[in-house]
Amino acid sequence: GYMEYVEAKTFLHQIDAVSLMDEAEREYIFTLAQNINDPIAEVGCCYGGTSILMALASHAEIYAIDNGAASNQEETCRRNIENSGCKDSIHFIQEEADLSANAFANEYFGLVFIDADHEREHPYLDLTAWAPKLKKGGYLLIDDFSVGCPGVTRGVIRFLTEHHNFTYVTSFERTSGPHRQVKLLVLQKNMI
């Protein structure tokens, strides 16, 4: 990769493009991205912090995808990518998450991080659209698999009930009130 995690974290703070994930999640994603040579997709990149973090860790092409629905989101994301110096390796695509998958061949990505619309059927549609784009042995990261995000939870359970070609790798939990919630779920696509 381009730099070590501590340097990347400091750099993201300096350009005000901090990922919204917990410290342990950011460090795990950074370390995982260091070992990915195939393209990486962040589906639901918000302001670009995690896409930049992965670009700092890896020489892989990064596709940062978001519909830009939040106020100033597209402008802020593009500015953060520009300020990071990673604009040659990060490709920002403004489109709905499930539709944007159509632009890529199956088994193209080494890592796909799903963190787009958390409501209703969107998480399930995103997973079914993007899972075929992941190479065998590639990593599927899913944000907010928790009681607080029932759309994500229902979508993941439905997806995994229908698709048996993923293996659990790890998860990161957070305590929210009386509940322990999985904040980040990491799966690996089976080689078979």
C-alpha atoms as a PDB file:
ATOM      1  CA  GLY A   1       0.000   0.000   0.000  1.00  0.00           C
ATOM      2  CA  TYR A   2       0.905   3.638  -0.107  1.00  0.00           C
ATOM      3  CA  MET A   3       1.221   4.159   3.648  1.00  0.00           C
ATOM      4  CA  GLU A   4       0.680   2.583   7.042  1.00  0.00           C
ATOM      5  CA  TYR A   5      -2.667   2.842   8.815  1.00  0.00           C
ATOM      6  CA  VAL A   6      -1.582   5.463  11.375  1.00  0.00           C
ATOM      7  CA  GLU A   7      -0.304   7.708   8.576  1.00  0.00           C
ATOM      8  CA  ALA A   8      -3.528   7.219   6.585  1.00  0.00           C
ATOM      9  CA  LYS A   9      -5.693   8.012   9.624  1.00  0.00           C
ATOM     10  CA  THR A  10      -3.727  11.192  10.327  1.00  0.00           C
ATOM     11  CA  PHE A  11      -3.921  12.205   6.671  1.00  0.00           C
ATOM     12  CA  LEU A  12      -7.714  11.728   6.547  1.00  0.00           C
ATOM     13  CA  HIS A  13      -8.072  13.976   9.591  1.00  0.00           C
ATOM     14  CA  GLN A  14      -5.872  16.612   7.965  1.00  0.00           C
ATOM     15  CA  ILE A  15      -8.039  16.784   4.844  1.00  0.00           C
ATOM     16  CA  ASP A  16     -11.264  16.452   6.883  1.00  0.00           C
ATOM     17  CA  ALA A  17     -12.375  13.297   5.073  1.00  0.00           C
ATOM     18  CA  VAL A  18     -12.741  10.964   8.036  1.00  0.00           C
ATOM     19  CA  SER A  19     -14.580   7.690   7.524  1.00  0.00           C
ATOM     20  CA  LEU A  20     -17.703   7.382   9.675  1.00  0.00           C
ATOM     21  CA  MET A  21     -16.701   3.916  10.881  1.00  0.00           C
ATOM     22  CA  ASP A  22     -15.264   2.962  14.272  1.00  0.00           C
ATOM     23  CA  GLU A  23     -11.492   2.868  14.673  1.00  0.00           C
ATOM     24  CA  ALA A  24     -11.289  -0.951  14.691  1.00  0.00           C
ATOM     25  CA  GLU A  25     -13.456  -1.172  11.560  1.00  0.00           C
ATOM     26  CA  ARG A  26     -11.353   1.401   9.715  1.00  0.00           C
ATOM     27  CA  GLU A  27      -8.124  -0.366  10.611  1.00  0.00           C
ATOM     28  CA  TYR A  28      -9.545  -3.749   9.542  1.00  0.00           C
ATOM     29  CA  ILE A  29     -10.758  -2.353   6.198  1.00  0.00           C
ATOM     30  CA  PHE A  30      -7.387  -0.668   5.622  1.00  0.00           C
ATOM     31  CA  THR A  31      -5.494  -3.896   6.351  1.00  0.00           C
ATOM     32  CA  LEU A  32      -7.849  -5.954   4.188  1.00  0.00           C
ATOM     33  CA  ALA A  33      -7.521  -3.484   1.293  1.00  0.00           C
ATOM     34  CA  GLN A  34      -3.713  -3.719   1.500  1.00  0.00           C
ATOM     35  CA  ASN A  35      -4.042  -7.325   0.324  1.00  0.00           C
ATOM     36  CA  ILE A  36      -6.528  -6.689  -2.503  1.00  0.00           C
ATOM     37  CA  ASN A  37      -5.103  -6.272  -5.996  1.00  0.00           C
ATOM     38  CA  ASP A  38      -8.393  -6.517  -7.897  1.00  0.00           C
ATOM     39  CA  PRO A  39     -10.729  -3.523  -8.143  1.00  0.00           C
ATOM     40  CA  ILE A  40     -12.668  -2.500  -5.011  1.00  0.00           C
ATOM     41  CA  ALA A  41     -16.211  -1.091  -4.879  1.00  0.00           C
ATOM     42  CA  GLU A  42     -17.673   0.949  -2.061  1.00  0.00           C
ATOM     43  CA  VAL A  43     -21.397   1.005  -2.704  1.00  0.00           C
ATOM     44  CA  GLY A  44     -22.752   3.924  -0.704  1.00  0.00           C
ATOM     45  CA  CYS A  45     -19.585   5.973  -0.251  1.00  0.00           C
ATOM     46  CA  CYS A  46     -21.221   8.990   1.441  1.00  0.00           C
ATOM     47  CA  TYR A  47     -18.440  11.604   1.635  1.00  0.00           C
ATOM     48  CA  GLY A  48     -15.684   9.299   0.385  1.00  0.00           C
ATOM     49  CA  GLY A  49     -13.720   8.728   3.612  1.00  0.00           C
ATOM     50  CA  THR A  50     -13.669   4.929   3.441  1.00  0.00           C
ATOM     51  CA  SER A  51     -12.959   4.915  -0.319  1.00  0.00           C
ATOM     52  CA  ILE A  52      -9.987   7.203   0.295  1.00  0.00           C
ATOM     53  CA  LEU A  53      -8.822   5.006   3.175  1.00  0.00           C
ATOM     54  CA  MET A  54      -8.859   1.949   0.883  1.00  0.00           C
ATOM     55  CA  ALA A  55      -7.055   3.882  -1.888  1.00  0.00           C
ATOM     56  CA  LEU A  56      -4.322   4.833   0.587  1.00  0.00           C
ATOM     57  CA  ALA A  57      -3.950   1.153   1.501  1.00  0.00           C
ATOM     58  CA  SER A  58      -4.047  -0.431  -1.931  1.00  0.00           C
ATOM     59  CA  HIS A  59      -2.886   0.068  -5.497  1.00  0.00           C
ATOM     60  CA  ALA A  60      -6.261  -1.299  -6.679  1.00  0.00           C
ATOM     61  CA  GLU A  61      -8.762   0.785  -8.614  1.00  0.00           C
ATOM     62  CA  ILE A  62     -11.506   2.018  -6.258  1.00  0.00           C
ATOM     63  CA  TYR A  63     -15.068   2.643  -7.430  1.00  0.00           C
ATOM     64  CA  ALA A  64     -16.901   4.972  -5.025  1.00  0.00           C
ATOM     65  CA  ILE A  65     -20.612   4.734  -5.784  1.00  0.00           C
ATOM     66  CA  ASP A  66     -23.383   6.844  -4.293  1.00  0.00           C
ATOM     67  CA  ASN A  67     -26.634   8.437  -5.403  1.00  0.00           C
ATOM     68  CA  GLY A  68     -25.533  11.720  -3.798  1.00  0.00           C
ATOM     69  CA  ALA A  69     -28.965  12.225  -2.244  1.00  0.00           C
ATOM     70  CA  ALA A  70     -27.753  13.889   0.961  1.00  0.00           C
ATOM     71  CA  SER A  71     -27.160  17.636   0.991  1.00  0.00           C
ATOM     72  CA  ASN A  72     -23.826  18.581  -0.648  1.00  0.00           C
ATOM     73  CA  GLN A  73     -22.866  14.905  -0.666  1.00  0.00           C
ATOM     74  CA  GLU A  74     -21.637  14.608  -4.255  1.00  0.00           C
ATOM     75  CA  GLU A  75     -19.727  17.908  -4.071  1.00  0.00           C
ATOM     76  CA  THR A  76     -18.127  16.994  -0.722  1.00  0.00           C
ATOM     77  CA  CYS A  77     -17.207  13.498  -1.889  1.00  0.00           C
ATOM     78  CA  ARG A  78     -15.590  14.789  -5.081  1.00  0.00           C
ATOM     79  CA  ARG A  79     -13.702  17.485  -3.115  1.00  0.00           C
ATOM     80  CA  ASN A  80     -12.465  14.931  -0.568  1.00  0.00           C
ATOM     81  CA  ILE A  81     -11.235  12.628  -3.338  1.00  0.00           C
ATOM     82  CA  GLU A  82      -9.488  15.566  -5.045  1.00  0.00           C
ATOM     83  CA  ASN A  83      -7.889  16.744  -1.771  1.00  0.00           C
ATOM     84  CA  SER A  84      -6.701  13.217  -0.976  1.00  0.00           C
ATOM     85  CA  GLY A  85      -4.494  13.046  -4.050  1.00  0.00           C
ATOM     86  CA  CYS A  86      -6.179   9.732  -4.926  1.00  0.00           C
ATOM     87  CA  LYS A  87      -8.311  10.989  -7.809  1.00  0.00           C
ATOM     88  CA  ASP A  88      -6.449   8.798 -10.310  1.00  0.00           C
ATOM     89  CA  SER A  89      -7.336   5.621  -8.414  1.00  0.00           C
ATOM     90  CA  ILE A  90     -10.844   6.505  -7.161  1.00  0.00           C
ATOM     91  CA  HIS A  91     -13.657   6.643  -9.682  1.00  0.00           C
ATOM     92  CA  PHE A  92     -16.781   8.351  -8.311  1.00  0.00           C
ATOM     93  CA  ILE A  93     -20.037   7.147  -9.860  1.00  0.00           C
ATOM     94  CA  GLN A  94     -23.262   8.941  -8.993  1.00  0.00           C
ATOM     95  CA  GLU A  95     -26.029   6.408  -9.507  1.00  0.00           C
ATOM     96  CA  GLU A  96     -28.413   4.220  -7.559  1.00  0.00           C
ATOM     97  CA  ALA A  97     -26.484   1.372  -5.933  1.00  0.00           C
ATOM     98  CA  ASP A  98     -28.278  -1.590  -7.479  1.00  0.00           C
ATOM     99  CA  LEU A  99     -28.347  -0.044 -10.973  1.00  0.00           C
ATOM    100  CA  SER A 100     -24.643   0.861 -10.956  1.00  0.00           C
ATOM    101  CA  ALA A 101     -23.684  -2.826 -10.696  1.00  0.00           C
ATOM    102  CA  ASN A 102     -24.798  -3.314 -14.315  1.00  0.00           C
ATOM    103  CA  ALA A 103     -21.720  -1.416 -15.538  1.00  0.00           C
ATOM    104  CA  PHE A 104     -19.356  -4.147 -14.328  1.00  0.00           C
ATOM    105  CA  ALA A 105     -18.638  -7.709 -15.420  1.00  0.00           C
ATOM    106  CA  ASN A 106     -19.319 -10.592 -13.059  1.00  0.00           C
ATOM    107  CA  GLU A 107     -16.376 -11.610 -10.868  1.00  0.00           C
ATOM    108  CA  TYR A 108     -14.637  -8.260 -11.417  1.00  0.00           C
ATOM    109  CA  PHE A 109     -14.049  -7.052  -7.837  1.00  0.00           C
ATOM    110  CA  GLY A 110     -11.830  -8.374  -5.052  1.00  0.00           C
ATOM    111  CA  LEU A 111     -13.790  -6.480  -2.408  1.00  0.00           C
ATOM    112  CA  VAL A 112     -17.293  -5.008  -2.364  1.00  0.00           C
ATOM    113  CA  PHE A 113     -18.407  -2.891   0.587  1.00  0.00           C
ATOM    114  CA  ILE A 114     -22.184  -2.375   0.772  1.00  0.00           C
ATOM    115  CA  ASP A 115     -23.242   0.708   2.752  1.00  0.00           C
ATOM    116  CA  ALA A 116     -25.958   2.292   0.607  1.00  0.00           C
ATOM    117  CA  ASP A 117     -29.673   2.840   1.304  1.00  0.00           C
ATOM    118  CA  HIS A 118     -30.585   0.997   4.514  1.00  0.00           C
ATOM    119  CA  GLU A 119     -34.363   1.146   4.008  1.00  0.00           C
ATOM    120  CA  ARG A 120     -36.985  -1.326   2.822  1.00  0.00           C
ATOM    121  CA  GLU A 121     -35.842  -3.636  -0.016  1.00  0.00           C
ATOM    122  CA  HIS A 122     -32.770  -1.605  -1.007  1.00  0.00           C
ATOM    123  CA  PRO A 123     -30.170  -3.621   0.967  1.00  0.00           C
ATOM    124  CA  TYR A 124     -31.427  -6.894  -0.520  1.00  0.00           C
ATOM    125  CA  LEU A 125     -31.453  -5.436  -4.049  1.00  0.00           C
ATOM    126  CA  ASP A 126     -27.923  -4.083  -3.557  1.00  0.00           C
ATOM    127  CA  LEU A 127     -26.631  -7.441  -2.326  1.00  0.00           C
ATOM    128  CA  THR A 128     -28.227  -9.409  -5.166  1.00  0.00           C
ATOM    129  CA  ALA A 129     -26.915  -6.903  -7.744  1.00  0.00           C
ATOM    130  CA  TRP A 130     -23.360  -6.711  -6.402  1.00  0.00           C
ATOM    131  CA  ALA A 131     -22.626 -10.275  -5.164  1.00  0.00           C
ATOM    132  CA  PRO A 132     -22.141 -11.651  -8.710  1.00  0.00           C
ATOM    133  CA  LYS A 133     -19.613  -8.859  -9.360  1.00  0.00           C
ATOM    134  CA  LEU A 134     -17.358 -10.250  -6.626  1.00  0.00           C
ATOM    135  CA  LYS A 135     -14.621 -12.724  -7.561  1.00  0.00           C
ATOM    136  CA  LYS A 136     -14.495 -16.111  -5.872  1.00  0.00           C
ATOM    137  CA  GLY A 137     -12.425 -15.628  -2.723  1.00  0.00           C
ATOM    138  CA  GLY A 138     -13.345 -11.930  -2.660  1.00  0.00           C
ATOM    139  CA  TYR A 139     -14.704 -10.106   0.366  1.00  0.00           C
ATOM    140  CA  LEU A 140     -18.217  -8.778   0.869  1.00  0.00           C
ATOM    141  CA  LEU A 141     -18.461  -6.181   3.642  1.00  0.00           C
ATOM    142  CA  ILE A 142     -21.890  -5.117   4.873  1.00  0.00           C
ATOM    143  CA  ASP A 143     -22.417  -2.109   7.118  1.00  0.00           C
ATOM    144  CA  ASP A 144     -25.112  -1.765   9.800  1.00  0.00           C
ATOM    145  CA  PHE A 145     -26.369  -5.347  10.080  1.00  0.00           C
ATOM    146  CA  SER A 146     -28.246  -4.530  13.271  1.00  0.00           C
ATOM    147  CA  VAL A 147     -31.546  -4.103  15.095  1.00  0.00           C
ATOM    148  CA  GLY A 148     -31.290  -0.368  14.422  1.00  0.00           C
ATOM    149  CA  CYS A 149     -31.293  -0.990  10.649  1.00  0.00           C
ATOM    150  CA  PRO A 150     -34.054  -3.562  10.052  1.00  0.00           C
ATOM    151  CA  GLY A 151     -33.928  -3.117   6.257  1.00  0.00           C
ATOM    152  CA  VAL A 152     -30.275  -4.171   6.215  1.00  0.00           C
ATOM    153  CA  THR A 153     -30.872  -7.050   8.618  1.00  0.00           C
ATOM    154  CA  ARG A 154     -33.853  -8.405   6.649  1.00  0.00           C
ATOM    155  CA  GLY A 155     -31.972  -7.952   3.364  1.00  0.00           C
ATOM    156  CA  VAL A 156     -28.869  -9.793   4.576  1.00  0.00           C
ATOM    157  CA  ILE A 157     -30.861 -12.680   6.052  1.00  0.00           C
ATOM    158  CA  ARG A 158     -32.933 -13.032   2.871  1.00  0.00           C
ATOM    159  CA  PHE A 159     -29.823 -12.813   0.690  1.00  0.00           C
ATOM    160  CA  LEU A 160     -27.875 -15.413   2.696  1.00  0.00           C
ATOM    161  CA  THR A 161     -30.914 -17.725   2.771  1.00  0.00           C
ATOM    162  CA  GLU A 162     -30.953 -17.655  -1.039  1.00  0.00           C
ATOM    163  CA  HIS A 163     -27.183 -17.550  -1.662  1.00  0.00           C
ATOM    164  CA  HIS A 164     -25.131 -20.215   0.074  1.00  0.00           C
ATOM    165  CA  ASN A 165     -21.783 -19.293  -1.496  1.00  0.00           C
ATOM    166  CA  PHE A 166     -20.525 -16.980   1.274  1.00  0.00           C
ATOM    167  CA  THR A 167     -18.639 -17.783   4.462  1.00  0.00           C
ATOM    168  CA  TYR A 168     -18.551 -15.691   7.627  1.00  0.00           C
ATOM    169  CA  VAL A 169     -15.106 -14.140   8.253  1.00  0.00           C
ATOM    170  CA  THR A 170     -15.627 -11.711  11.136  1.00  0.00           C
ATOM    171  CA  SER A 171     -17.842  -8.954  12.453  1.00  0.00           C
ATOM    172  CA  PHE A 172     -17.483  -5.821  14.520  1.00  0.00           C
ATOM    173  CA  GLU A 173     -20.004  -5.178  17.246  1.00  0.00           C
ATOM    174  CA  ARG A 174     -21.168  -2.042  18.967  1.00  0.00           C
ATOM    175  CA  THR A 175     -23.208  -1.611  22.099  1.00  0.00           C
ATOM    176  CA  SER A 176     -26.225   0.634  21.699  1.00  0.00           C
ATOM    177  CA  GLY A 177     -28.280   0.895  24.864  1.00  0.00           C
ATOM    178  CA  PRO A 178     -29.095  -2.621  26.040  1.00  0.00           C
ATOM    179  CA  HIS A 179     -28.317  -4.136  22.622  1.00  0.00           C
ATOM    180  CA  ARG A 180     -25.113  -5.418  21.075  1.00  0.00           C
ATOM    181  CA  GLN A 181     -25.265  -4.794  17.356  1.00  0.00           C
ATOM    182  CA  VAL A 182     -23.165  -5.990  14.446  1.00  0.00           C
ATOM    183  CA  LYS A 183     -21.890  -2.787  12.873  1.00  0.00           C
ATOM    184  CA  LEU A 184     -19.781  -4.403  10.141  1.00  0.00           C
ATOM    185  CA  LEU A 185     -20.237  -7.931   8.773  1.00  0.00           C
ATOM    186  CA  VAL A 186     -17.414  -9.470   6.718  1.00  0.00           C
ATOM    187  CA  LEU A 187     -18.104 -12.421   4.410  1.00  0.00           C
ATOM    188  CA  GLN A 188     -15.938 -14.188   1.841  1.00  0.00           C
ATOM    189  CA  LYS A 189     -17.252 -15.607  -1.423  1.00  0.00           C
ATOM    190  CA  ASN A 190     -16.564 -19.325  -1.581  1.00  0.00           C
ATOM    191  CA  MET A 191     -14.097 -20.622  -4.149  1.00  0.00           C
ATOM    192  CA  ILE A 192     -16.553 -23.283  -5.361  1.00  0.00           C
END
